[in-house]
C-alpha atoms as a PDB file:
ATOM      1  CA  MET A   1       0.000   0.000   0.000  1.00  0.00           C
ATOM      2  CA  SER A   2       1.412   3.416  -0.910  1.00  0.00           C
ATOM      3  CA  VAL A   3       2.245   5.991   1.775  1.00  0.00           C
ATOM      4  CA  MET A   4      -0.118   8.474   0.104  1.00  0.00           C
ATOM      5  CA  PHE A   5      -3.034   6.009   0.259  1.00  0.00           C
ATOM      6  CA  SER A   6      -2.196   5.110   3.887  1.00  0.00           C
ATOM      7  CA  LYS A   7      -2.239   8.810   4.856  1.00  0.00           C
ATOM      8  CA  PHE A   8      -5.582   9.183   3.086  1.00  0.00           C
ATOM      9  CA  MET A   9      -7.021   6.198   4.981  1.00  0.00           C
ATOM     10  CA  CYS A  10      -5.761   7.662   8.312  1.00  0.00           C
ATOM     11  CA  ARG A  11      -7.972  10.691   7.711  1.00  0.00           C
ATOM     12  CA  PHE A  12     -10.912   8.293   8.096  1.00  0.00           C
ATOM     13  CA  GLY A  13      -9.423   6.616  11.172  1.00  0.00           C
ATOM     14  CA  ILE A  14      -8.259   3.524   9.285  1.00  0.00           C
ATOM     15  CA  GLY A  15      -4.680   2.583  10.146  1.00  0.00           C
ATOM     16  CA  THR A  16      -4.247   5.580  12.449  1.00  0.00           C
ATOM     17  CA  THR A  17      -2.354   5.622  15.745  1.00  0.00           C
ATOM     18  CA  LYS A  18      -4.506   4.191  18.563  1.00  0.00           C
ATOM     19  CA  ILE A  19      -4.667   5.058  22.259  1.00  0.00           C
ATOM     20  CA  ASP A  20      -5.801   2.873  25.148  1.00  0.00           C
ATOM     21  CA  LEU A  21      -6.018   4.105  28.742  1.00  0.00           C
ATOM     22  CA  VAL A  22      -5.231   1.112  30.963  1.00  0.00           C
ATOM     23  CA  LEU A  23      -6.238   1.678  34.611  1.00  0.00           C
ATOM     24  CA  ASN A  24      -4.464  -0.091  37.481  1.00  0.00           C
ATOM     25  CA  LYS A  25      -7.873  -1.338  38.718  1.00  0.00           C
ATOM     26  CA  LYS A  26     -11.579  -0.791  37.996  1.00  0.00           C
ATOM     27  CA  GLU A  27     -12.958   0.062  41.450  1.00  0.00           C
ATOM     28  CA  PHE A  28     -12.000   3.065  43.569  1.00  0.00           C
ATOM     29  CA  ARG A  29     -13.121   5.010  46.649  1.00  0.00           C
ATOM     30  CA  PRO A  30     -13.807   8.759  46.868  1.00  0.00           C
ATOM     31  CA  GLY A  31     -10.480  10.588  47.319  1.00  0.00           C
ATOM     32  CA  ASP A  32      -8.422   7.804  45.686  1.00  0.00           C
ATOM     33  CA  VAL A  33      -5.764   8.561  43.112  1.00  0.00           C
ATOM     34  CA  ILE A  34      -6.494   6.591  39.953  1.00  0.00           C
ATOM     35  CA  LYS A  35      -3.303   5.476  38.240  1.00  0.00           C
ATOM     36  CA  GLY A  36      -2.762   3.931  34.874  1.00  0.00           C
ATOM     37  CA  GLU A  37      -1.000   4.273  31.560  1.00  0.00           C
ATOM     38  CA  TYR A  38      -1.829   5.535  28.123  1.00  0.00           C
ATOM     39  CA  GLU A  39      -0.720   2.862  25.662  1.00  0.00           C
ATOM     40  CA  LEU A  40      -0.127   4.290  22.194  1.00  0.00           C
ATOM     41  CA  THR A  41       0.276   2.079  19.142  1.00  0.00           C
ATOM     42  CA  GLY A  42       1.478   3.656  15.926  1.00  0.00           C
ATOM     43  CA  GLY A  43      -0.575   3.174  12.793  1.00  0.00           C
ATOM     44  CA  ARG A  44       0.450   2.534   9.207  1.00  0.00           C
ATOM     45  CA  VAL A  45       2.177   5.879   8.725  1.00  0.00           C
ATOM     46  CA  GLU A  46       4.035   8.421  10.841  1.00  0.00           C
ATOM     47  CA  GLN A  47       1.689  10.942  12.514  1.00  0.00           C
ATOM     48  CA  LYS A  48       2.388  14.152  14.447  1.00  0.00           C
ATOM     49  CA  LEU A  49       0.680  14.206  17.838  1.00  0.00           C
ATOM     50  CA  LYS A  50      -0.936  17.418  19.017  1.00  0.00           C
ATOM     51  CA  ARG A  51      -2.430  16.450  22.389  1.00  0.00           C
ATOM     52  CA  ILE A  52      -4.018  13.782  24.587  1.00  0.00           C
ATOM     53  CA  GLU A  53      -7.313  14.860  26.195  1.00  0.00           C
ATOM     54  CA  THR A  54      -8.988  12.898  28.975  1.00  0.00           C
ATOM     55  CA  ASP A  55     -12.399  13.766  30.441  1.00  0.00           C
ATOM     56  CA  LEU A  56     -13.748  12.214  33.640  1.00  0.00           C
ATOM     57  CA  LEU A  57     -17.490  11.872  33.041  1.00  0.00           C
ATOM     58  CA  GLN A  58     -20.330  11.124  35.437  1.00  0.00           C
ATOM     59  CA  TYR A  59     -23.473   9.798  33.769  1.00  0.00           C
ATOM     60  CA  ASP A  60     -26.851  10.258  35.471  1.00  0.00           C
ATOM     61  CA  GLU A  61     -29.384   7.792  34.069  1.00  0.00           C
ATOM     62  CA  ILE A  62     -32.362   9.614  35.621  1.00  0.00           C
ATOM     63  CA  THR A  63     -31.655  12.846  33.718  1.00  0.00           C
ATOM     64  CA  ASP A  64     -29.911  11.027  30.833  1.00  0.00           C
ATOM     65  CA  ARG A  65     -27.033  13.512  31.035  1.00  0.00           C
ATOM     66  CA  SER A  66     -23.269  13.299  31.307  1.00  0.00           C
ATOM     67  CA  TYR A  67     -21.286  15.773  33.375  1.00  0.00           C
ATOM     68  CA  ILE A  68     -17.581  16.538  32.962  1.00  0.00           C
ATOM     69  CA  LEU A  69     -16.062  16.345  36.444  1.00  0.00           C
ATOM     70  CA  HIS A  70     -12.402  16.755  35.472  1.00  0.00           C
ATOM     71  CA  GLN A  71     -10.369  17.400  32.324  1.00  0.00           C
ATOM     72  CA  ASN A  72      -6.722  16.602  31.691  1.00  0.00           C
ATOM     73  CA  THR A  73      -4.738  17.655  28.615  1.00  0.00           C
ATOM     74  CA  ILE A  74      -1.202  16.655  27.681  1.00  0.00           C
ATOM     75  CA  LEU A  75       0.224  18.823  24.910  1.00  0.00           C
ATOM     76  CA  SER A  76       2.647  17.174  22.517  1.00  0.00           C
ATOM     77  CA  SER A  77       4.756  18.019  19.516  1.00  0.00           C
ATOM     78  CA  SER A  78       6.149  14.512  19.090  1.00  0.00           C
ATOM     79  CA  THR A  79       5.765  12.142  16.183  1.00  0.00           C
ATOM     80  CA  MET A  80       4.487   8.564  16.352  1.00  0.00           C
ATOM     81  CA  LYS A  81       6.331   6.386  13.879  1.00  0.00           C
ATOM     82  CA  ALA A  82       4.518   3.598  12.050  1.00  0.00           C
ATOM     83  CA  ASN A  83       3.890   0.655  14.432  1.00  0.00           C
ATOM     84  CA  GLU A  84       5.722   2.393  17.320  1.00  0.00           C
ATOM     85  CA  GLN A  85       4.722   1.442  20.889  1.00  0.00           C
ATOM     86  CA  ARG A  86       4.734   4.152  23.580  1.00  0.00           C
ATOM     87  CA  THR A  87       3.560   4.348  27.199  1.00  0.00           C
ATOM     88  CA  ILE A  88       2.733   7.548  29.117  1.00  0.00           C
ATOM     89  CA  HIS A  89       1.822   7.555  32.832  1.00  0.00           C
ATOM     90  CA  PHE A  90      -1.644   8.736  33.913  1.00  0.00           C
ATOM     91  CA  SER A  91      -3.092   9.758  37.281  1.00  0.00           C
ATOM     92  CA  CYS A  92      -6.246  11.503  38.476  1.00  0.00           C
ATOM     93  CA  ARG A  93      -7.443  12.191  42.033  1.00  0.00           C
ATOM     94  CA  LEU A  94     -11.138  11.542  42.699  1.00  0.00           C
ATOM     95  CA  SER A  95     -12.963  14.141  44.747  1.00  0.00           C
ATOM     96  CA  ASP A  96     -14.285  13.085  48.153  1.00  0.00           C
ATOM     97  CA  ALA A  97     -17.625  14.558  47.038  1.00  0.00           C
ATOM     98  CA  PHE A  98     -18.283  12.152  44.142  1.00  0.00           C
ATOM     99  CA  PRO A  99     -21.281   9.916  44.912  1.00  0.00           C
ATOM    100  CA  PRO A 100     -20.722   6.155  44.635  1.00  0.00           C
ATOM    101  CA  SER A 101     -21.608   4.277  41.468  1.00  0.00           C
ATOM    102  CA  SER A 102     -25.145   2.904  41.431  1.00  0.00           C
ATOM    103  CA  GLU A 103     -27.855   1.761  39.040  1.00  0.00           C
ATOM    104  CA  THR A 104     -28.374   5.414  38.066  1.00  0.00           C
ATOM    105  CA  VAL A 105     -24.852   6.907  38.421  1.00  0.00           C
ATOM    106  CA  SER A 106     -21.826   5.683  36.465  1.00  0.00           C
ATOM    107  CA  TYR A 107     -18.327   6.964  35.698  1.00  0.00           C
ATOM    108  CA  LYS A 108     -15.922   6.725  32.798  1.00  0.00           C
ATOM    109  CA  PHE A 109     -12.867   8.306  31.251  1.00  0.00           C
ATOM    110  CA  VAL A 110     -13.094   9.390  27.613  1.00  0.00           C
ATOM    111  CA  THR A 111      -9.652   9.792  26.061  1.00  0.00           C
ATOM    112  CA  ARG A 112      -8.965  11.457  22.717  1.00  0.00           C
ATOM    113  CA  LEU A 113      -5.660  11.363  20.875  1.00  0.00           C
ATOM    114  CA  VAL A 114      -5.579  14.441  18.604  1.00  0.00           C
ATOM    115  CA  PHE A 115      -3.218  14.697  15.633  1.00  0.00           C
ATOM    116  CA  ASP A 116      -1.984  17.732  13.691  1.00  0.00           C
ATOM    117  CA  ASP A 117      -4.129  16.681  10.738  1.00  0.00           C
ATOM    118  CA  GLY A 118      -7.291  16.802  12.897  1.00  0.00           C
ATOM    119  CA  VAL A 119      -7.803  13.029  13.072  1.00  0.00           C
ATOM    120  CA  ASN A 120      -8.826  11.687  16.489  1.00  0.00           C
ATOM    121  CA  SER A 121      -8.512   8.296  18.148  1.00  0.00           C
ATOM    122  CA  VAL A 122     -11.003   7.781  21.013  1.00  0.00           C
ATOM    123  CA  ASP A 123     -11.034   5.373  23.977  1.00  0.00           C
ATOM    124  CA  HIS A 124     -13.696   4.825  26.705  1.00  0.00           C
ATOM    125  CA  ASP A 125     -12.934   3.283  30.114  1.00  0.00           C
ATOM    126  CA  GLU A 126     -15.645   2.715  32.715  1.00  0.00           C
ATOM    127  CA  PHE A 127     -14.887   2.292  36.423  1.00  0.00           C
ATOM    128  CA  GLN A 128     -16.719   2.098  39.755  1.00  0.00           C
ATOM    129  CA  ILE A 129     -16.679   4.334  42.810  1.00  0.00           C
ATOM    130  CA  SER A 130     -17.602   2.436  45.970  1.00  0.00           C
ATOM    131  CA  VAL A 131     -17.962   3.490  49.615  1.00  0.00           C
END
C-alpha cells in the first residue's frame, strides 16, 4: 500500500495511531488517586501528535445527562512512527464529594488522541466508585 493512500485512509481513522487508557484497577473510593497508563500504538504511517485529552465523566441515568467532572490535557509536539509502541503515565485524584456508582450513576474516562491533521482516536474506560 502506498504511503499516500495510507495517509488518506488515516484521515478516516483507518490505520491511524490508537490510544488505550489502561487503569491499574476498575474500582476506587472517593479521594483515591487513579493510576494507569496511556498505551499508544502507531498506525500505518508516521503521525504528528498534538495532544491527549482525557475527560472524567459522570453519567446520570435519571436525567440522561453526562457531566464533565475533570479534564486533563497533555500537549505534545512529538511524532508517532509507524507501528511504534509508547507508554505515558496517567493519574487523576477523585474528589471526596463524588457519589458512589449505582444503578443510576456511572463513571468513565473518555480519552482522545488528537493529531496535527485533525484526526482523532477515542477510547472509553468505565470504572466504579464504591464506599
